[in-house]
């Protein structure tokens, strides 16, 4: 073990069995470079395993409508779908998803993107489960009736939704809610 002369209490600190020193910051005043012995590595691994075991993926809803830009749907879907947390168990490497991504249609009908790709929503607005995050993707949202329906739904969901965001022309529907 390597000792440094850092503080007047160096001898007292050097004899303490619970010294933790970050070798990247030796100027911190702690004397010995030792492995972390206050919190054992096994305890950290058990904590990570427990967190992974009880973690329920948060649900992200992507609102889709006619003439949506495909990139405004696929981009956020890919980002949230790829977010994972690794298990620290060395014998069995596992990853748990942090988010469950679902498409939500203003109605139950399939939507056609600007480039002609047909999107069939998982659910419509009425059947949507509780959501952690809502993305109002860019959409033409043709028709005043559909726009009013989406605005009313967003206002109802806002108090129980952690994040509401808009992409592209979806900002117009979100702005109309005055959230």
Foldseek 3Di string as FASTA:
>chain_A
DDWDPADPCRVVLVPDPQFDDDPVCNNPRRTDHDDHDVDDPVNVLVVQQVCQVPQDAFEEEEEDAAAFAVCLVVVVVVVQQPDWRWRPDPVDTDIDRNYDYFYEYCQQDWYAHNVGDTHGGPYYLVPDDQGQEYEHTADPLPDPVSLVSLLVSCLVNVVRYNYYYYYDNSVVSVVVNVD
